[in-house]
Amino acid sequence: LSNAFDAVRERAQSGDGEYSASVMISTRAVEGAVEIRVRDNGGGIPEEVREKIFEPFFTTKPTGSGTGLGLSLSFDIVTQGHGGTLTVESTKGEGATFVVTLPVKGSAIL
């Protein structure tokens, strides 16, 4: 969420007077899992950045503004701690969507 808010704030400050910032969170049940999507309409993430985005200490933020650990830790918690997946979908200039999929244990939830 922090990265989504940073992305829309950065795009809003770029000077496009017609831009309307948006961060949306959605959830849905999928086969044996719950899917959580966090979508923003910020500047998007270039492919070369997407390839490294979950690596420890990788950041695109200025020195002193980010540690490069947030997405790496999130990835480890989701995948190793909960057996889920964390992926990113993005087109530069159109925003990004982070998708967390967590397995459901038991059938009471669905």
N, C-alpha and C. Protein backbone atom coordinates (compact mmCIF):
# COMPACT_ATOMS: atom_id res chain seq x y z
N LEU A 1 0.82 -1.20 0.00
CA LEU A 1 0.00 0.00 0.00
C LEU A 1 0.86 1.26 0.00
N SER A 2 1.92 1.24 0.77
CA SER A 2 2.79 2.42 0.82
C SER A 2 3.35 2.76 -0.55
N ASN A 3 3.78 1.74 -1.27
CA ASN A 3 4.32 1.98 -2.62
C ASN A 3 3.25 2.50 -3.56
N ALA A 4 2.03 2.00 -3.43
CA ALA A 4 0.93 2.48 -4.28
C ALA A 4 0.66 3.96 -4.02
N PHE A 5 0.62 4.34 -2.74
CA PHE A 5 0.39 5.74 -2.42
C PHE A 5 1.55 6.62 -2.89
N ASP A 6 2.78 6.11 -2.77
CA ASP A 6 3.94 6.86 -3.28
C ASP A 6 3.83 7.06 -4.79
N ALA A 7 3.41 6.01 -5.51
CA ALA A 7 3.32 6.08 -6.97
C ALA A 7 2.29 7.11 -7.43
N VAL A 8 1.12 7.14 -6.79
CA VAL A 8 0.10 8.10 -7.23
C VAL A 8 0.49 9.52 -6.81
N ARG A 9 1.14 9.65 -5.66
CA ARG A 9 1.59 10.97 -5.22
C ARG A 9 2.64 11.52 -6.20
N GLU A 10 3.57 10.65 -6.61
CA GLU A 10 4.60 11.07 -7.56
C GLU A 10 4.00 11.47 -8.90
N ARG A 11 3.03 10.69 -9.38
CA ARG A 11 2.40 11.04 -10.66
C ARG A 11 1.60 12.34 -10.54
N ALA A 12 0.92 12.54 -9.42
CA ALA A 12 0.13 13.76 -9.23
C ALA A 12 1.04 14.99 -9.23
N GLN A 13 2.25 14.84 -8.70
CA GLN A 13 3.18 15.97 -8.64
C GLN A 13 3.87 16.23 -9.96
N SER A 14 3.66 15.35 -10.95
CA SER A 14 4.31 15.51 -12.25
C SER A 14 3.69 16.63 -13.08
N GLY A 15 2.55 17.15 -12.64
CA GLY A 15 1.98 18.31 -13.31
C GLY A 15 0.82 18.06 -14.25
N ASP A 16 0.35 16.82 -14.35
CA ASP A 16 -0.82 16.53 -15.20
C ASP A 16 -2.07 16.99 -14.44
N GLY A 17 -2.61 18.13 -14.82
CA GLY A 17 -3.75 18.71 -14.12
C GLY A 17 -5.02 17.89 -14.19
N GLU A 18 -5.13 16.98 -15.14
CA GLU A 18 -6.34 16.17 -15.31
C GLU A 18 -6.24 14.82 -14.61
N TYR A 19 -5.10 14.52 -14.01
CA TYR A 19 -4.89 13.24 -13.36
C TYR A 19 -5.68 13.16 -12.06
N SER A 20 -6.32 12.03 -11.84
CA SER A 20 -7.05 11.77 -10.60
C SER A 20 -6.49 10.50 -9.98
N ALA A 21 -5.78 10.65 -8.87
CA ALA A 21 -5.10 9.53 -8.22
C ALA A 21 -6.11 8.50 -7.71
N SER A 22 -5.72 7.22 -7.84
CA SER A 22 -6.60 6.15 -7.41
C SER A 22 -5.78 4.95 -6.92
N VAL A 23 -6.13 4.46 -5.73
CA VAL A 23 -5.60 3.20 -5.21
C VAL A 23 -6.81 2.36 -4.84
N MET A 24 -6.89 1.17 -5.43
CA MET A 24 -8.04 0.30 -5.18
C MET A 24 -7.57 -1.03 -4.60
N ILE A 25 -8.31 -1.53 -3.63
CA ILE A 25 -8.04 -2.83 -3.04
C ILE A 25 -9.25 -3.70 -3.29
N SER A 26 -9.01 -4.91 -3.79
CA SER A 26 -10.12 -5.83 -4.02
C SER A 26 -9.73 -7.22 -3.55
N THR A 27 -10.73 -7.99 -3.18
CA THR A 27 -10.51 -9.37 -2.76
C THR A 27 -11.51 -10.26 -3.47
N ARG A 28 -11.13 -11.52 -3.64
CA ARG A 28 -12.06 -12.49 -4.18
C ARG A 28 -11.57 -13.88 -3.84
N ALA A 29 -12.52 -14.80 -3.80
CA ALA A 29 -12.18 -16.20 -3.59
C ALA A 29 -11.85 -16.82 -4.94
N VAL A 30 -10.75 -17.55 -5.00
CA VAL A 30 -10.39 -18.33 -6.18
C VAL A 30 -10.19 -19.77 -5.71
N GLU A 31 -10.01 -20.69 -6.61
CA GLU A 31 -9.93 -22.10 -6.26
C GLU A 31 -8.96 -22.35 -5.10
N GLY A 32 -9.51 -22.63 -3.91
CA GLY A 32 -8.70 -22.97 -2.75
C GLY A 32 -7.87 -21.84 -2.19
N ALA A 33 -8.17 -20.61 -2.57
CA ALA A 33 -7.35 -19.49 -2.12
C ALA A 33 -8.16 -18.20 -2.08
N VAL A 34 -7.56 -17.21 -1.48
CA VAL A 34 -8.11 -15.86 -1.47
C VAL A 34 -7.11 -14.97 -2.22
N GLU A 35 -7.62 -14.13 -3.09
CA GLU A 35 -6.77 -13.24 -3.87
C GLU A 35 -7.02 -11.80 -3.43
N ILE A 36 -5.95 -11.09 -3.14
CA ILE A 36 -6.01 -9.69 -2.74
C ILE A 36 -5.24 -8.89 -3.79
N ARG A 37 -5.90 -7.89 -4.37
CA ARG A 37 -5.26 -7.05 -5.38
C ARG A 37 -5.18 -5.61 -4.88
N VAL A 38 -4.00 -5.03 -5.03
CA VAL A 38 -3.80 -3.61 -4.73
C VAL A 38 -3.38 -2.97 -6.05
N ARG A 39 -4.26 -2.10 -6.56
CA ARG A 39 -4.03 -1.48 -7.87
C ARG A 39 -3.93 0.03 -7.72
N ASP A 40 -2.95 0.61 -8.41
CA ASP A 40 -2.84 2.07 -8.44
C ASP A 40 -2.76 2.53 -9.89
N ASN A 41 -3.03 3.80 -10.10
CA ASN A 41 -2.91 4.37 -11.44
C ASN A 41 -1.76 5.37 -11.48
N GLY A 42 -0.67 5.01 -10.79
CA GLY A 42 0.54 5.82 -10.81
C GLY A 42 1.27 5.67 -12.13
N GLY A 43 2.56 5.86 -12.09
CA GLY A 43 3.35 5.84 -13.32
C GLY A 43 3.70 4.47 -13.87
N GLY A 44 3.38 3.42 -13.13
CA GLY A 44 3.71 2.08 -13.59
C GLY A 44 5.15 1.71 -13.27
N ILE A 45 5.49 0.46 -13.55
CA ILE A 45 6.82 -0.06 -13.22
C ILE A 45 7.45 -0.62 -14.49
N PRO A 46 8.58 -0.08 -14.92
CA PRO A 46 9.24 -0.60 -16.12
C PRO A 46 9.65 -2.07 -15.93
N GLU A 47 9.73 -2.81 -17.03
CA GLU A 47 10.04 -4.24 -16.98
C GLU A 47 11.36 -4.51 -16.27
N GLU A 48 12.39 -3.71 -16.53
CA GLU A 48 13.69 -3.95 -15.91
C GLU A 48 13.64 -3.79 -14.39
N VAL A 49 12.73 -2.98 -13.90
CA VAL A 49 12.54 -2.82 -12.46
C VAL A 49 11.70 -3.98 -11.92
N ARG A 50 10.67 -4.39 -12.65
CA ARG A 50 9.82 -5.51 -12.21
C ARG A 50 10.64 -6.77 -12.00
N GLU A 51 11.67 -6.97 -12.82
CA GLU A 51 12.51 -8.17 -12.71
C GLU A 51 13.27 -8.22 -11.39
N LYS A 52 13.49 -7.07 -10.75
CA LYS A 52 14.30 -7.01 -9.53
C LYS A 52 13.49 -6.61 -8.30
N ILE A 53 12.23 -6.33 -8.47
CA ILE A 53 11.45 -5.65 -7.44
C ILE A 53 11.35 -6.39 -6.10
N PHE A 54 11.45 -7.71 -6.13
CA PHE A 54 11.34 -8.48 -4.88
C PHE A 54 12.70 -8.85 -4.30
N GLU A 55 13.79 -8.35 -4.88
CA GLU A 55 15.13 -8.63 -4.37
C GLU A 55 15.41 -7.76 -3.15
N PRO A 56 16.09 -8.33 -2.13
CA PRO A 56 16.43 -7.53 -0.95
C PRO A 56 17.31 -6.33 -1.32
N PHE A 57 17.01 -5.20 -0.72
CA PHE A 57 17.75 -3.95 -0.84
C PHE A 57 17.62 -3.27 -2.20
N PHE A 58 16.75 -3.78 -3.07
CA PHE A 58 16.52 -3.09 -4.35
C PHE A 58 15.49 -1.99 -4.13
N THR A 59 15.83 -0.79 -4.53
CA THR A 59 14.90 0.33 -4.41
C THR A 59 15.11 1.30 -5.57
N THR A 60 14.05 1.97 -5.94
CA THR A 60 14.14 3.03 -6.94
C THR A 60 14.02 4.40 -6.28
N LYS A 61 13.86 4.38 -4.97
CA LYS A 61 13.69 5.64 -4.23
C LYS A 61 15.04 6.29 -3.96
N PRO A 62 15.05 7.60 -3.75
CA PRO A 62 16.30 8.30 -3.46
C PRO A 62 16.93 7.79 -2.16
N THR A 63 18.23 7.94 -2.05
CA THR A 63 18.94 7.53 -0.84
C THR A 63 18.29 8.17 0.38
N GLY A 64 18.05 7.35 1.38
CA GLY A 64 17.43 7.83 2.61
C GLY A 64 15.92 7.74 2.61
N SER A 65 15.31 7.43 1.47
CA SER A 65 13.85 7.38 1.39
C SER A 65 13.29 5.97 1.44
N GLY A 66 14.12 4.98 1.18
CA GLY A 66 13.63 3.61 1.18
C GLY A 66 14.77 2.65 1.44
N THR A 67 14.45 1.52 2.08
CA THR A 67 15.49 0.55 2.40
C THR A 67 15.60 -0.55 1.35
N GLY A 68 14.57 -0.70 0.54
CA GLY A 68 14.56 -1.79 -0.42
C GLY A 68 14.21 -3.12 0.21
N LEU A 69 13.60 -3.08 1.39
CA LEU A 69 13.25 -4.32 2.08
C LEU A 69 11.76 -4.60 2.12
N GLY A 70 10.93 -3.62 1.91
CA GLY A 70 9.48 -3.79 2.05
C GLY A 70 8.91 -4.89 1.18
N LEU A 71 9.16 -4.83 -0.12
CA LEU A 71 8.60 -5.84 -1.02
C LEU A 71 9.30 -7.18 -0.87
N SER A 72 10.60 -7.16 -0.56
CA SER A 72 11.33 -8.41 -0.34
C SER A 72 10.78 -9.15 0.87
N LEU A 73 10.58 -8.43 1.97
CA LEU A 73 10.00 -9.05 3.17
C LEU A 73 8.57 -9.50 2.93
N SER A 74 7.80 -8.69 2.24
CA SER A 74 6.42 -9.07 1.92
C SER A 74 6.40 -10.36 1.10
N PHE A 75 7.29 -10.46 0.11
CA PHE A 75 7.37 -11.65 -0.73
C PHE A 75 7.68 -12.89 0.12
N ASP A 76 8.67 -12.76 1.01
CA ASP A 76 9.04 -13.90 1.87
C ASP A 76 7.90 -14.29 2.81
N ILE A 77 7.22 -13.33 3.39
CA ILE A 77 6.11 -13.63 4.31
C ILE A 77 4.99 -14.35 3.57
N VAL A 78 4.63 -13.84 2.40
CA VAL A 78 3.53 -14.43 1.63
C VAL A 78 3.90 -15.82 1.12
N THR A 79 5.09 -15.96 0.54
CA THR A 79 5.46 -17.23 -0.10
C THR A 79 5.96 -18.28 0.89
N GLN A 80 6.88 -17.90 1.76
CA GLN A 80 7.46 -18.86 2.69
C GLN A 80 6.62 -19.03 3.95
N GLY A 81 6.09 -17.93 4.45
CA GLY A 81 5.32 -17.99 5.69
C GLY A 81 3.91 -18.53 5.52
N HIS A 82 3.30 -18.27 4.35
CA HIS A 82 1.90 -18.65 4.15
C HIS A 82 1.66 -19.55 2.95
N GLY A 83 2.70 -19.86 2.19
CA GLY A 83 2.54 -20.75 1.03
C GLY A 83 1.77 -20.13 -0.12
N GLY A 84 1.78 -18.81 -0.19
CA GLY A 84 1.04 -18.11 -1.25
C GLY A 84 1.95 -17.58 -2.33
N THR A 85 1.41 -16.66 -3.11
CA THR A 85 2.19 -16.01 -4.16
C THR A 85 2.01 -14.50 -4.07
N LEU A 86 3.01 -13.79 -4.53
CA LEU A 86 2.96 -12.33 -4.64
C LEU A 86 3.54 -11.98 -6.00
N THR A 87 2.73 -11.38 -6.84
CA THR A 87 3.16 -11.02 -8.19
C THR A 87 2.83 -9.56 -8.46
N VAL A 88 3.42 -9.04 -9.51
CA VAL A 88 3.13 -7.67 -9.92
C VAL A 88 2.81 -7.66 -11.41
N GLU A 89 1.80 -6.87 -11.76
CA GLU A 89 1.42 -6.64 -13.15
C GLU A 89 1.51 -5.14 -13.37
N SER A 90 2.14 -4.73 -14.45
CA SER A 90 2.26 -3.29 -14.67
C SER A 90 2.59 -2.97 -16.11
N THR A 91 2.09 -1.84 -16.54
CA THR A 91 2.47 -1.24 -17.81
C THR A 91 2.94 0.16 -17.48
N LYS A 92 4.15 0.49 -17.91
CA LYS A 92 4.69 1.82 -17.61
C LYS A 92 3.72 2.89 -18.09
N GLY A 93 3.43 3.83 -17.22
CA GLY A 93 2.52 4.91 -17.54
C GLY A 93 1.06 4.62 -17.23
N GLU A 94 0.75 3.38 -16.84
CA GLU A 94 -0.65 3.01 -16.58
C GLU A 94 -0.90 2.48 -15.18
N GLY A 95 0.10 2.47 -14.32
CA GLY A 95 -0.09 1.99 -12.97
C GLY A 95 0.41 0.57 -12.77
N ALA A 96 0.14 0.05 -11.58
CA ALA A 96 0.60 -1.29 -11.22
C ALA A 96 -0.45 -1.99 -10.38
N THR A 97 -0.43 -3.31 -10.43
CA THR A 97 -1.30 -4.13 -9.60
C THR A 97 -0.45 -5.20 -8.93
N PHE A 98 -0.47 -5.23 -7.61
CA PHE A 98 0.18 -6.29 -6.86
C PHE A 98 -0.89 -7.29 -6.46
N VAL A 99 -0.61 -8.57 -6.69
CA VAL A 99 -1.59 -9.62 -6.44
C VAL A 99 -1.02 -10.58 -5.40
N VAL A 100 -1.70 -10.68 -4.26
CA VAL A 100 -1.36 -11.63 -3.21
C VAL A 100 -2.39 -12.75 -3.26
N THR A 101 -1.92 -13.99 -3.37
CA THR A 101 -2.82 -15.13 -3.34
C THR A 101 -2.41 -16.00 -2.16
N LEU A 102 -3.37 -16.23 -1.26
CA LEU A 102 -3.11 -17.03 -0.06
C LEU A 102 -4.01 -18.25 -0.06
N PRO A 103 -3.43 -19.43 0.21
CA PRO A 103 -4.25 -20.64 0.25
C PRO A 103 -5.21 -20.60 1.44
N VAL A 104 -6.38 -21.17 1.24
CA VAL A 104 -7.38 -21.26 2.30
C VAL A 104 -7.28 -22.64 2.93
N LYS A 105 -7.16 -22.68 4.23
CA LYS A 105 -7.12 -23.95 4.93
C LYS A 105 -8.50 -24.22 5.50
N GLY A 106 -9.14 -25.28 5.05
CA GLY A 106 -10.51 -25.58 5.47
C GLY A 106 -11.49 -24.95 4.51
N SER A 107 -12.74 -25.35 4.59
CA SER A 107 -13.73 -24.86 3.63
C SER A 107 -14.72 -23.87 4.24
N ALA A 108 -14.59 -23.56 5.52
CA ALA A 108 -15.57 -22.68 6.17
C ALA A 108 -15.54 -21.26 5.61
N ILE A 109 -14.38 -20.81 5.17
CA ILE A 109 -14.26 -19.44 4.68
C ILE A 109 -14.97 -19.27 3.35
N LEU A 110 -14.83 -20.23 2.48
CA LEU A 110 -15.42 -20.11 1.16
C LEU A 110 -16.79 -20.75 1.17
